[in-house]
Amino acid sequence: MTWIFAAWRWIAGSRAGQAVAAALAALAYLALAKRQSRLQGRSEAEQEAREDADKRVQKGQDAVRDGRGGDPDERLRKNDGRW
């Protein structure tokens, strides 16, 4: 436990300790900024995937709605031979 106090005294009392502390703080900041950027990119990709899925679902619903617009016998005649 005394080594912690000795390290704290060295950091607070010497220019070299302050430089080391500043360098460590800068590295920690860069690591956090990189992590935040990665998380933001991931959330943007997830949002794009959701939008794409919504568009595909809407397109399928439109196709079903448009295909059911006519008489069932007419739909059967149109579909005959497509199987």
C-alpha atoms as a PDB file:
ATOM      1  CA  MET A   1       0.000   0.000   0.000  1.00  0.00           C
ATOM      2  CA  THR A   2       2.884   2.353   0.628  1.00  0.00           C
ATOM      3  CA  TRP A   3       4.064   1.995  -2.973  1.00  0.00           C
ATOM      4  CA  ILE A   4       0.789   3.609  -4.100  1.00  0.00           C
ATOM      5  CA  PHE A   5       1.477   6.645  -1.950  1.00  0.00           C
ATOM      6  CA  ALA A   6       5.061   6.768  -3.169  1.00  0.00           C
ATOM      7  CA  ALA A   7       3.895   6.641  -6.785  1.00  0.00           C
ATOM      8  CA  TRP A   8       1.324   9.356  -6.100  1.00  0.00           C
ATOM      9  CA  ARG A   9       3.977  11.576  -4.514  1.00  0.00           C
ATOM     10  CA  TRP A  10       6.262  11.014  -7.516  1.00  0.00           C
ATOM     11  CA  ILE A  11       3.474  11.851  -9.991  1.00  0.00           C
ATOM     12  CA  ALA A  12       2.395  14.944  -8.087  1.00  0.00           C
ATOM     13  CA  GLY A  13       5.879  16.143  -7.186  1.00  0.00           C
ATOM     14  CA  SER A  14       8.023  15.672 -10.282  1.00  0.00           C
ATOM     15  CA  ARG A  15       7.816  16.891 -13.843  1.00  0.00           C
ATOM     16  CA  ALA A  16       8.596  13.393 -15.117  1.00  0.00           C
ATOM     17  CA  GLY A  17       5.709  11.987 -13.087  1.00  0.00           C
ATOM     18  CA  GLN A  18       3.379  14.638 -14.436  1.00  0.00           C
ATOM     19  CA  ALA A  19       4.529  13.876 -17.993  1.00  0.00           C
ATOM     20  CA  VAL A  20       3.878  10.160 -17.467  1.00  0.00           C
ATOM     21  CA  ALA A  21       0.447  10.937 -16.009  1.00  0.00           C
ATOM     22  CA  ALA A  22      -0.374  13.206 -18.973  1.00  0.00           C
ATOM     23  CA  ALA A  23       0.738  10.549 -21.451  1.00  0.00           C
ATOM     24  CA  LEU A  24      -1.391   7.908 -19.721  1.00  0.00           C
ATOM     25  CA  ALA A  25      -4.370  10.270 -19.699  1.00  0.00           C
ATOM     26  CA  ALA A  26      -3.918  10.931 -23.424  1.00  0.00           C
ATOM     27  CA  LEU A  27      -3.747   7.192 -24.176  1.00  0.00           C
ATOM     28  CA  ALA A  28      -6.869   6.573 -22.114  1.00  0.00           C
ATOM     29  CA  TYR A  29      -8.677   9.367 -23.976  1.00  0.00           C
ATOM     30  CA  LEU A  30      -7.658   7.941 -27.363  1.00  0.00           C
ATOM     31  CA  ALA A  31      -8.782   4.454 -26.350  1.00  0.00           C
ATOM     32  CA  LEU A  32     -12.167   5.752 -25.202  1.00  0.00           C
ATOM     33  CA  ALA A  33     -12.586   7.828 -28.374  1.00  0.00           C
ATOM     34  CA  LYS A  34     -11.800   4.796 -30.534  1.00  0.00           C
ATOM     35  CA  ARG A  35     -14.278   2.663 -28.596  1.00  0.00           C
ATOM     36  CA  GLN A  36     -16.978   5.324 -28.931  1.00  0.00           C
ATOM     37  CA  SER A  37     -16.338   5.563 -32.670  1.00  0.00           C
ATOM     38  CA  ARG A  38     -16.598   1.792 -33.039  1.00  0.00           C
ATOM     39  CA  LEU A  39     -19.864   1.711 -31.086  1.00  0.00           C
ATOM     40  CA  GLN A  40     -21.280   4.537 -33.191  1.00  0.00           C
ATOM     41  CA  GLY A  41     -20.348   2.708 -36.399  1.00  0.00           C
ATOM     42  CA  ARG A  42     -21.998  -0.438 -35.105  1.00  0.00           C
ATOM     43  CA  SER A  43     -25.207   1.378 -34.223  1.00  0.00           C
ATOM     44  CA  GLU A  44     -25.275   3.018 -37.671  1.00  0.00           C
ATOM     45  CA  ALA A  45     -24.903  -0.397 -39.308  1.00  0.00           C
ATOM     46  CA  GLU A  46     -27.701  -1.808 -37.165  1.00  0.00           C
ATOM     47  CA  GLN A  47     -29.923   1.155 -38.096  1.00  0.00           C
ATOM     48  CA  GLU A  48     -29.230   0.600 -41.806  1.00  0.00           C
ATOM     49  CA  ALA A  49     -30.053  -3.103 -41.438  1.00  0.00           C
ATOM     50  CA  ARG A  50     -33.356  -2.268 -39.731  1.00  0.00           C
ATOM     51  CA  GLU A  51     -34.250   0.227 -42.455  1.00  0.00           C
ATOM     52  CA  ASP A  52     -33.383  -2.328 -45.154  1.00  0.00           C
ATOM     53  CA  ALA A  53     -35.512  -4.971 -43.457  1.00  0.00           C
ATOM     54  CA  ASP A  54     -38.408  -2.514 -43.149  1.00  0.00           C
ATOM     55  CA  LYS A  55     -38.143  -1.687 -46.852  1.00  0.00           C
ATOM     56  CA  ARG A  56     -38.146  -5.373 -47.803  1.00  0.00           C
ATOM     57  CA  VAL A  57     -41.169  -6.065 -45.601  1.00  0.00           C
ATOM     58  CA  GLN A  58     -43.024  -3.104 -47.102  1.00  0.00           C
ATOM     59  CA  LYS A  59     -42.136  -4.259 -50.613  1.00  0.00           C
ATOM     60  CA  GLY A  60     -43.481  -7.742 -49.834  1.00  0.00           C
ATOM     61  CA  GLN A  61     -46.678  -6.328 -48.376  1.00  0.00           C
ATOM     62  CA  ASP A  62     -47.144  -4.165 -51.472  1.00  0.00           C
ATOM     63  CA  ALA A  63     -46.606  -7.174 -53.721  1.00  0.00           C
ATOM     64  CA  VAL A  64     -49.168  -9.222 -51.804  1.00  0.00           C
ATOM     65  CA  ARG A  65     -51.666  -6.367 -51.862  1.00  0.00           C
ATOM     66  CA  ASP A  66     -51.190  -5.769 -55.602  1.00  0.00           C
ATOM     67  CA  GLY A  67     -51.432  -9.466 -56.385  1.00  0.00           C
ATOM     68  CA  ARG A  68     -54.739  -9.833 -54.585  1.00  0.00           C
ATOM     69  CA  GLY A  69     -56.461  -6.993 -56.370  1.00  0.00           C
ATOM     70  CA  GLY A  70     -58.270  -9.066 -58.991  1.00  0.00           C
ATOM     71  CA  ASP A  71     -60.724 -11.870 -59.210  1.00  0.00           C
ATOM     72  CA  PRO A  72     -59.404 -15.178 -57.762  1.00  0.00           C
ATOM     73  CA  ASP A  73     -60.163 -16.987 -61.025  1.00  0.00           C
ATOM     74  CA  GLU A  74     -58.221 -14.371 -62.980  1.00  0.00           C
ATOM     75  CA  ARG A  75     -55.285 -14.657 -60.577  1.00  0.00           C
ATOM     76  CA  LEU A  76     -55.306 -18.421 -61.071  1.00  0.00           C
ATOM     77  CA  ARG A  77     -55.276 -18.033 -64.883  1.00  0.00           C
ATOM     78  CA  LYS A  78     -52.380 -15.544 -64.654  1.00  0.00           C
ATOM     79  CA  ASN A  79     -50.433 -17.822 -62.357  1.00  0.00           C
ATOM     80  CA  ASP A  80     -51.096 -20.995 -64.356  1.00  0.00           C
ATOM     81  CA  GLY A  81     -47.850 -22.294 -65.799  1.00  0.00           C
ATOM     82  CA  ARG A  82     -45.597 -20.217 -63.542  1.00  0.00           C
ATOM     83  CA  TRP A  83     -45.138 -23.028 -61.053  1.00  0.00           C
END
